[in-house]
Amino acid sequence: MATWAERQKAPAKGQADYAPDDTGLRLRVYASGRRCWYIRGRVKRADGEGEPRFVVLGEVPGMSRDQADAEAAKARDMLRRGVDPGAEREATLRAADAARKTFGEVVTEWTEQSKPKWRATTIEARRVLFNSDKLRPWRDRQIASIAGREVAQHASGIKPNSQQAALGPLRSVFKFATERGYIKRSPFIEAGISVARSEGNAAPMIKFQEGRAPDFSELVAVLDAFDTCEKAMPASPWWNIWRVCVQTGQRPSAIIGLRWLELSLDGDEPTWTLPADRSKIKREEKIPLSKDCAAILHAIPRGESALVWPGRGGRKPLKYPEGEPKMVKGVLVERGLPEGWRPGRARDSVASWLEFQSDATERAMALLLGHKPPAENTRRKHYAKIGADHQARTLIERYSAAVRDARAGKVTRVVPLRKGA
């Protein structure tokens, strides 16, 4: 048998309100057929009555008349105590929704919020990290169910120098979940897990000793290995990509994504203009290139793609290979150099060489390595920039000449080590 609430007629459009008695309880019936119990009231404030509130108590047929009376009494009591029942109900619903949030859903939310601040390489690194074999089993789990001991177990095998990249984003996701109310406490805090700051693993291919000329022998061996491997695999673009890494010391990700429009190779001052959206420091960089580096880039055939080294389809940069690094390492191991090759070593080599140039200013080094320049007062800023541009070009040409001389078997001048080096 239909109840009183179910017998009330639905309007043709809009809504209609019905009162079963004079206690203030009301039934609202919508044209769609939806029915809900409600009351009206005001939240009590210290300075008088607050804003009027429309307080939904429950749906019909899910809530009976007796249940609606009981919920109405609770709601009136909350109003008298200065609590908004509607807001309380929303908070309860949000808490229930939060409890159902999976780790994968939170990762997606955090990624979408953070993406505008990230470079393309960072986005790809985060995607790879959260789809790794170790984290994939967590994706469909409720984030609240992931305990501190599990995170501690995950972190236990990660070396300190890798923790910023492997644990930093994971810690940020749990912090984001805490701020959104999805979890009460981050498992990183629960388990007392700290993320070690990277101390760096620099491995320059140039050796410096007091009173001796810099030893470029390993760097020369690496360049010779590129030549050897190129004969076996002439179509691979990676030999030239890595030669540019050696010549510039720039970040490998920026070199791999190099565009033709960024290059000005003609004339006596070849320059690479790295746009702000591809720069780690989020500002345009005008990077001086040596004439040897410009010659490498000039020799590359220019196709239809905007990229110097396009990936499959021509629209996206290349993805890092597996075969070529193994080929280079194999050649180097045969020559008694087990350290092998990775592009970051080229950057380490340029940075180390610059440290031992007595005329290398901090601003010129920042320009060559893609670091934020040191602060200057307004009066000096313009002159300091002009001086840094000129000095950076002088330094990169000197470095290129030193590499060229080393390959030719010439001994470069002896540079005394700086005090404390």
Protein backbone atom coordinates (compact mmCIF):
# COMPACT_ATOMS: atom_id res chain seq x y z
CA MET A 1 0.00 0.00 0.00
CA ALA A 2 1.34 3.46 -0.96
CA THR A 3 2.37 5.75 1.86
CA TRP A 4 1.17 9.32 2.28
CA ALA A 5 4.41 10.62 0.73
CA GLU A 6 4.05 8.33 -2.30
CA ARG A 7 0.43 9.37 -2.90
CA GLN A 8 1.18 13.06 -3.34
CA LYS A 9 0.80 14.15 -6.94
CA ALA A 10 3.82 15.21 -9.00
CA PRO A 11 3.36 18.54 -10.85
CA ALA A 12 3.50 18.76 -14.64
CA LYS A 13 6.64 20.88 -14.32
CA GLY A 14 8.81 22.29 -11.60
CA GLN A 15 8.06 21.17 -8.05
CA ALA A 16 5.31 21.07 -5.44
CA ASP A 17 5.54 21.13 -1.61
CA TYR A 18 3.27 19.24 0.77
CA ALA A 19 2.95 19.29 4.58
CA PRO A 20 1.81 16.15 6.45
CA ASP A 21 1.14 18.25 9.58
CA ASP A 22 2.02 21.62 11.15
CA THR A 23 5.37 20.56 12.71
CA GLY A 24 7.42 22.14 9.90
CA LEU A 25 8.27 18.91 8.13
CA ARG A 26 7.73 19.20 4.38
CA LEU A 27 7.70 16.91 1.37
CA ARG A 28 8.94 18.25 -1.98
CA VAL A 29 7.83 16.44 -5.12
CA TYR A 30 9.51 17.22 -8.45
CA ALA A 31 8.07 16.82 -11.94
CA SER A 32 10.63 14.09 -12.53
CA GLY A 33 9.05 12.05 -9.73
CA ARG A 34 11.84 12.59 -7.21
CA ARG A 35 10.60 13.12 -3.63
CA CYS A 36 12.49 14.32 -0.58
CA TRP A 37 11.76 15.34 3.00
CA TYR A 38 13.03 18.75 4.14
CA ILE A 39 12.70 21.50 6.73
CA ARG A 40 13.55 25.19 6.69
CA GLY A 41 15.41 26.98 9.45
CA ARG A 42 18.15 29.44 10.40
CA VAL A 43 21.54 28.70 11.92
CA LYS A 44 21.76 30.35 15.35
CA ARG A 45 24.59 32.89 15.63
CA ALA A 46 25.97 34.85 18.59
CA ASP A 47 24.88 38.09 16.94
CA GLY A 48 21.40 36.88 15.99
CA GLU A 49 19.82 34.55 13.47
CA GLY A 50 21.95 33.51 10.52
CA GLU A 51 21.15 32.81 6.87
CA PRO A 52 18.03 30.75 6.12
CA ARG A 53 18.73 27.14 5.28
CA PHE A 54 16.93 24.55 3.15
CA VAL A 55 17.80 21.28 4.88
CA VAL A 56 17.24 18.06 2.93
CA LEU A 57 16.62 15.17 5.31
CA GLY A 58 16.33 12.20 2.95
CA GLU A 59 14.70 10.71 -0.12
CA VAL A 60 11.40 8.87 -0.55
CA PRO A 61 10.98 5.88 -0.52
CA GLY A 62 14.34 5.49 1.22
CA MET A 63 13.18 7.42 4.31
CA SER A 64 9.86 6.84 6.08
CA ARG A 65 7.73 9.52 7.77
CA ASP A 66 8.89 8.47 11.24
CA GLN A 67 12.54 8.55 10.15
CA ALA A 68 11.97 11.99 8.62
CA ASP A 69 10.53 13.27 11.95
CA ALA A 70 13.59 11.95 13.80
CA GLU A 71 16.02 13.53 11.28
CA ALA A 72 14.07 16.82 11.44
CA ALA A 73 14.49 16.87 15.25
CA LYS A 74 18.26 16.32 14.87
CA ALA A 75 18.50 19.06 12.24
CA ARG A 76 16.62 21.59 14.45
CA ASP A 77 18.93 20.78 17.34
CA MET A 78 21.98 21.42 15.12
CA LEU A 79 20.52 24.75 13.96
CA ARG A 80 20.01 25.82 17.59
CA ARG A 81 23.66 24.91 18.31
CA GLY A 82 24.87 27.01 15.37
CA VAL A 83 25.70 24.07 13.12
CA ASP A 84 24.58 24.01 9.48
CA PRO A 85 23.04 20.53 8.89
CA GLY A 86 23.41 20.89 5.12
CA ALA A 87 27.13 21.59 5.40
CA GLU A 88 27.49 18.73 7.87
CA ARG A 89 25.74 16.37 5.46
CA GLU A 90 27.96 17.50 2.58
CA ALA A 91 31.06 16.94 4.72
CA THR A 92 29.86 13.43 5.55
CA LEU A 93 29.26 12.70 1.87
CA ARG A 94 32.67 14.12 0.97
CA ALA A 95 34.32 11.98 3.63
CA ALA A 96 32.54 8.89 2.27
CA ASP A 97 33.64 9.82 -1.26
CA ALA A 98 37.20 10.44 -0.07
CA ALA A 99 37.32 7.04 1.59
CA ARG A 100 36.59 5.46 -1.80
CA LYS A 101 39.36 7.36 -3.66
CA THR A 102 41.93 5.02 -5.19
CA PHE A 103 45.64 5.71 -5.36
CA GLY A 104 45.40 5.91 -9.16
CA GLU A 105 42.59 8.51 -9.03
CA VAL A 106 44.59 10.70 -6.64
CA VAL A 107 47.70 10.41 -8.82
CA THR A 108 45.60 11.57 -11.81
CA GLU A 109 44.18 14.55 -9.86
CA TRP A 110 47.63 15.57 -8.60
CA THR A 111 49.13 15.23 -12.09
CA GLU A 112 46.42 17.38 -13.72
CA GLN A 113 46.91 20.10 -11.09
CA SER A 114 50.71 20.04 -11.37
CA LYS A 115 51.08 19.56 -15.14
CA PRO A 116 51.08 23.29 -16.08
CA LYS A 117 54.28 23.75 -14.00
CA TRP A 118 56.09 20.76 -15.53
CA ARG A 119 58.22 20.35 -18.63
CA ALA A 120 57.33 17.61 -21.13
CA THR A 121 60.23 15.50 -19.86
CA THR A 122 58.95 15.78 -16.27
CA ILE A 123 55.45 14.70 -17.34
CA GLU A 124 56.91 11.65 -19.07
CA ALA A 125 59.11 10.81 -16.05
CA ARG A 126 56.08 10.96 -13.71
CA ARG A 127 54.04 8.76 -16.07
CA VAL A 128 56.80 6.13 -16.14
CA LEU A 129 57.25 6.27 -12.35
CA PHE A 130 53.58 5.74 -11.46
CA ASN A 131 53.16 2.99 -14.06
CA SER A 132 56.22 1.10 -12.84
CA ASP A 133 55.95 -2.51 -11.70
CA LYS A 134 56.43 -1.49 -8.05
CA LEU A 135 53.62 1.10 -7.95
CA ARG A 136 51.17 -0.44 -10.41
CA PRO A 137 49.64 -2.80 -7.76
CA TRP A 138 48.59 0.27 -5.72
CA ARG A 139 46.61 1.95 -8.52
CA ASP A 140 43.24 0.32 -7.80
CA ARG A 141 43.62 0.31 -4.02
CA GLN A 142 41.89 2.87 -1.81
CA ILE A 143 44.59 5.36 -0.96
CA ALA A 144 43.56 5.30 2.70
CA SER A 145 44.43 1.58 2.84
CA ILE A 146 48.13 2.12 1.97
CA ALA A 147 50.01 1.90 5.26
CA GLY A 148 53.26 3.48 6.32
CA ARG A 149 55.03 0.12 6.57
CA GLU A 150 54.23 -0.57 2.89
CA VAL A 151 55.68 2.77 1.82
CA ALA A 152 58.72 2.16 4.04
CA GLN A 153 59.23 -1.24 2.40
CA HIS A 154 58.95 0.37 -1.04
CA ALA A 155 61.50 3.06 -0.08
CA SER A 156 64.00 0.68 1.54
CA GLY A 157 65.70 -0.38 -1.67
CA ILE A 158 66.08 3.07 -3.21
CA LYS A 159 69.55 4.60 -3.03
CA PRO A 160 69.88 8.11 -1.55
CA ASN A 161 70.88 9.71 -4.86
CA SER A 162 67.73 8.31 -6.51
CA GLN A 163 65.24 9.20 -3.78
CA GLN A 164 64.38 12.70 -5.06
CA ALA A 165 63.27 11.24 -8.40
CA ALA A 166 61.72 7.99 -7.12
CA LEU A 167 60.20 9.04 -3.77
CA GLY A 168 59.72 12.80 -4.11
CA PRO A 169 56.66 12.56 -6.42
CA LEU A 170 55.17 9.76 -4.30
CA ARG A 171 55.50 11.89 -1.16
CA SER A 172 53.84 14.79 -3.00
CA VAL A 173 50.86 12.59 -3.96
CA PHE A 174 50.25 11.59 -0.32
CA LYS A 175 50.65 15.22 0.80
CA PHE A 176 48.08 16.23 -1.84
CA ALA A 177 45.73 13.49 -0.57
CA THR A 178 46.08 14.80 2.99
CA GLU A 179 45.31 18.37 1.92
CA ARG A 180 42.21 17.17 0.04
CA GLY A 181 40.99 15.19 3.03
CA TYR A 182 41.31 11.82 1.30
CA ILE A 183 43.55 10.56 4.09
CA LYS A 184 44.11 11.83 7.62
CA ARG A 185 47.87 11.39 7.66
CA SER A 186 50.54 10.75 5.05
CA PRO A 187 52.15 7.30 5.36
CA PHE A 188 55.50 9.07 4.92
CA ILE A 189 54.87 10.87 8.23
CA GLU A 190 53.37 7.76 9.81
CA ALA A 191 56.49 5.72 9.05
CA GLY A 192 58.96 8.58 9.58
CA ILE A 193 60.30 8.34 6.02
CA SER A 194 62.53 11.17 4.85
CA VAL A 195 63.61 11.72 1.25
CA ALA A 196 67.36 12.22 0.94
CA ARG A 197 68.58 15.19 -1.07
CA SER A 198 70.64 14.13 -4.05
CA GLU A 199 74.33 14.75 -3.50
CA GLY A 200 75.02 14.20 -7.18
CA ASN A 201 76.96 11.48 -8.94
CA ALA A 202 79.14 13.60 -11.18
CA ALA A 203 81.54 11.59 -13.34
CA PRO A 204 83.43 13.99 -15.63
CA MET A 205 85.48 12.53 -18.46
CA ILE A 206 88.30 15.01 -17.84
CA LYS A 207 90.82 14.55 -15.03
CA PHE A 208 92.59 17.44 -13.33
CA GLN A 209 95.85 17.20 -11.38
CA GLU A 210 97.95 19.95 -9.83
CA GLY A 211 100.68 21.19 -12.16
CA ARG A 212 99.57 19.05 -15.11
CA ALA A 213 97.52 19.65 -18.22
CA PRO A 214 93.90 18.41 -17.99
CA ASP A 215 93.64 14.77 -19.05
CA PHE A 216 91.04 14.44 -21.84
CA SER A 217 91.90 10.81 -22.61
CA GLU A 218 88.57 9.36 -21.50
CA LEU A 219 86.60 12.03 -23.34
CA VAL A 220 88.64 11.34 -26.48
CA ALA A 221 87.96 7.60 -26.07
CA VAL A 222 84.22 8.30 -25.87
CA LEU A 223 84.27 10.42 -29.03
CA ASP A 224 86.32 7.73 -30.79
CA ALA A 225 83.72 5.17 -29.64
CA PHE A 226 80.97 7.26 -31.28
CA ASP A 227 82.94 7.18 -34.56
CA THR A 228 83.43 3.41 -34.30
CA CYS A 229 79.76 2.74 -33.55
CA GLU A 230 78.62 5.11 -36.31
CA LYS A 231 80.41 2.94 -38.89
CA ALA A 232 78.41 -0.06 -37.66
CA MET A 233 75.10 1.85 -37.45
CA PRO A 234 75.37 4.92 -39.72
CA ALA A 235 71.64 5.68 -39.80
CA SER A 236 71.35 6.24 -36.04
CA PRO A 237 71.00 9.92 -35.05
CA TRP A 238 72.36 9.30 -31.55
CA TRP A 239 76.03 9.74 -32.43
CA ASN A 240 75.43 13.37 -33.43
CA ILE A 241 73.07 13.96 -30.49
CA TRP A 242 75.81 12.84 -28.11
CA ARG A 243 78.49 14.83 -29.94
CA VAL A 244 76.37 17.95 -29.36
CA CYS A 245 76.08 16.93 -25.69
CA VAL A 246 79.88 16.80 -25.49
CA GLN A 247 80.28 20.14 -27.28
CA THR A 248 77.71 22.08 -25.24
CA GLY A 249 77.27 20.46 -21.81
CA GLN A 250 73.56 21.23 -22.07
CA ARG A 251 70.85 19.01 -20.58
CA PRO A 252 70.31 15.93 -22.78
CA SER A 253 66.51 16.34 -22.77
CA ALA A 254 66.83 19.84 -24.27
CA ILE A 255 69.22 18.60 -26.97
CA ILE A 256 67.00 15.64 -27.92
CA GLY A 257 64.06 18.04 -28.40
CA LEU A 258 66.08 20.59 -30.39
CA ARG A 259 64.12 22.49 -33.10
CA TRP A 260 65.57 24.02 -36.26
CA LEU A 261 63.91 27.35 -35.51
CA GLU A 262 65.91 27.57 -32.27
CA LEU A 263 69.21 27.55 -34.14
CA SER A 264 71.16 30.37 -35.74
CA LEU A 265 74.22 28.65 -37.19
CA ASP A 266 75.51 31.10 -39.79
CA GLY A 267 78.08 33.78 -39.06
CA ASP A 268 80.80 34.03 -36.44
CA GLU A 269 78.49 33.70 -33.43
CA PRO A 270 76.32 30.57 -33.77
CA THR A 271 73.59 30.58 -31.14
CA TRP A 272 70.89 28.27 -29.79
CA THR A 273 67.84 30.11 -28.44
CA LEU A 274 66.16 27.71 -26.00
CA PRO A 275 62.56 28.88 -25.41
CA ALA A 276 61.21 29.31 -21.89
CA ASP A 277 58.71 26.44 -22.24
CA ARG A 278 61.59 24.00 -22.86
CA SER A 279 63.98 25.51 -20.34
CA LYS A 280 64.35 24.07 -16.86
CA ILE A 281 64.75 27.58 -15.44
CA LYS A 282 61.53 28.70 -17.22
CA ARG A 283 63.16 31.56 -19.12
CA GLU A 284 64.51 32.00 -22.62
CA GLU A 285 68.21 31.15 -22.90
CA LYS A 286 70.54 32.34 -25.67
CA ILE A 287 73.25 29.68 -25.58
CA PRO A 288 76.48 30.36 -27.48
CA LEU A 289 77.64 27.43 -29.62
CA SER A 290 81.19 26.71 -30.66
CA LYS A 291 82.00 26.66 -34.38
CA ASP A 292 82.74 22.92 -34.10
CA CYS A 293 79.26 22.32 -32.68
CA ALA A 294 77.70 24.47 -35.43
CA ALA A 295 79.53 22.36 -38.03
CA ILE A 296 78.02 19.16 -36.58
CA LEU A 297 74.52 20.64 -36.78
CA HIS A 298 75.09 22.12 -40.25
CA ALA A 299 75.94 18.66 -41.58
CA ILE A 300 72.63 17.13 -40.47
CA PRO A 301 70.14 16.85 -43.38
CA ARG A 302 67.08 19.00 -42.78
CA GLY A 303 63.79 17.19 -43.38
CA GLU A 304 60.16 18.31 -43.17
CA SER A 305 59.98 17.99 -39.38
CA ALA A 306 60.51 21.02 -37.14
CA LEU A 307 62.69 18.78 -34.96
CA VAL A 308 66.37 18.30 -35.68
CA TRP A 309 66.06 14.67 -34.56
CA PRO A 310 62.38 13.70 -34.99
CA GLY A 311 60.93 10.54 -33.54
CA ARG A 312 58.53 8.20 -35.26
CA GLY A 313 55.93 10.20 -37.16
CA GLY A 314 58.12 13.32 -37.13
CA ARG A 315 56.11 15.25 -34.54
CA LYS A 316 57.61 14.12 -31.24
CA PRO A 317 61.25 13.89 -30.11
CA LEU A 318 63.12 10.59 -30.10
CA LYS A 319 62.85 8.27 -27.14
CA TYR A 320 66.07 7.17 -25.49
CA PRO A 321 67.43 4.01 -27.15
CA GLU A 322 68.65 0.76 -25.63
CA GLY A 323 71.06 -0.52 -28.26
CA GLU A 324 73.35 2.45 -28.91
CA PRO A 325 74.45 3.03 -25.27
CA LYS A 326 75.33 -0.68 -24.99
CA MET A 327 77.38 -0.46 -28.19
CA VAL A 328 79.36 2.52 -26.84
CA LYS A 329 79.89 0.86 -23.47
CA GLY A 330 81.14 -2.30 -25.17
CA VAL A 331 83.77 -0.33 -27.09
CA LEU A 332 84.85 1.54 -23.95
CA VAL A 333 85.10 -1.63 -21.85
CA GLU A 334 87.38 -3.14 -24.52
CA ARG A 335 89.61 -0.09 -24.07
CA GLY A 336 89.72 -0.49 -20.30
CA LEU A 337 87.12 2.17 -19.43
CA PRO A 338 84.37 0.36 -17.47
CA GLU A 339 82.60 3.58 -16.36
CA GLY A 340 80.80 3.61 -19.71
CA TRP A 341 78.86 6.46 -21.25
CA ARG A 342 75.77 8.41 -20.33
CA PRO A 343 74.90 11.90 -21.65
CA GLY A 344 75.07 13.45 -18.18
CA ARG A 345 78.82 12.79 -18.13
CA ALA A 346 79.24 15.31 -20.97
CA ARG A 347 77.55 17.95 -18.83
CA ASP A 348 79.74 16.97 -15.85
CA SER A 349 82.83 17.38 -18.05
CA VAL A 350 81.96 20.89 -19.23
CA ALA A 351 80.99 21.97 -15.70
CA SER A 352 84.23 20.59 -14.22
CA TRP A 353 86.36 22.19 -16.94
CA LEU A 354 84.68 25.57 -16.31
CA GLU A 355 85.45 25.32 -12.59
CA PHE A 356 89.16 25.35 -13.42
CA GLN A 357 89.07 28.37 -15.72
CA SER A 358 90.23 31.37 -13.73
CA ASP A 359 88.31 33.78 -16.00
CA ALA A 360 84.99 31.87 -15.86
CA THR A 361 82.54 34.22 -14.14
CA GLU A 362 79.57 32.84 -12.29
CA ARG A 363 77.17 34.50 -14.73
CA ALA A 364 78.98 33.08 -17.79
CA MET A 365 78.95 29.59 -16.25
CA ALA A 366 75.23 29.91 -15.50
CA LEU A 367 74.58 30.82 -19.14
CA LEU A 368 76.57 27.85 -20.48
CA LEU A 369 75.03 25.32 -18.07
CA GLY A 370 71.44 26.57 -18.08
CA HIS A 371 71.39 27.72 -14.45
CA LYS A 372 69.65 30.79 -13.07
CA PRO A 373 72.08 33.72 -13.20
CA PRO A 374 73.24 35.33 -9.97
CA ALA A 375 71.35 38.41 -8.83
CA GLU A 376 72.71 41.80 -9.91
CA ASN A 377 71.60 45.25 -8.92
CA THR A 378 69.63 47.17 -11.55
CA ARG A 379 72.49 49.46 -12.56
CA ARG A 380 74.94 46.59 -13.21
CA LYS A 381 72.50 44.04 -14.67
CA HIS A 382 72.69 45.22 -18.30
CA TYR A 383 76.50 45.47 -18.34
CA ALA A 384 76.92 42.17 -16.50
CA LYS A 385 74.73 40.42 -19.07
CA ILE A 386 76.73 41.81 -22.01
CA GLY A 387 79.98 40.75 -20.34
CA ALA A 388 78.63 37.28 -19.56
CA ASP A 389 77.48 36.69 -23.16
CA HIS A 390 80.92 37.58 -24.51
CA GLN A 391 82.78 35.58 -21.86
CA ALA A 392 80.52 32.51 -22.28
CA ARG A 393 81.26 32.45 -26.02
CA THR A 394 85.00 32.78 -25.37
CA LEU A 395 84.88 29.91 -22.87
CA ILE A 396 82.87 27.50 -25.04
CA GLU A 397 85.21 28.14 -28.01
CA ARG A 398 88.20 27.50 -25.73
CA TYR A 399 86.65 24.27 -24.47
CA SER A 400 85.88 23.11 -28.02
CA ALA A 401 89.47 23.86 -29.04
CA ALA A 402 90.78 21.88 -26.05
CA VAL A 403 88.67 18.86 -27.10
CA ARG A 404 89.85 19.21 -30.70
CA ASP A 405 93.51 19.46 -29.62
CA ALA A 406 93.14 16.43 -27.33
CA ARG A 407 91.79 14.35 -30.21
CA ALA A 408 94.71 15.51 -32.32
CA GLY A 409 97.17 14.48 -29.60
CA LYS A 410 98.17 18.01 -28.67
CA VAL A 411 98.79 18.91 -25.01
CA THR A 412 96.74 21.84 -23.78
CA ARG A 413 98.19 24.47 -21.48
CA VAL A 414 98.64 23.65 -17.80
CA VAL A 415 95.96 25.29 -15.67
CA PRO A 416 96.75 25.47 -11.92
CA LEU A 417 93.94 24.16 -9.72
CA ARG A 418 91.97 26.73 -7.78
CA LYS A 419 92.70 26.88 -4.10
CA GLY A 420 90.64 24.28 -2.24
CA ALA A 421 89.82 22.31 -5.39
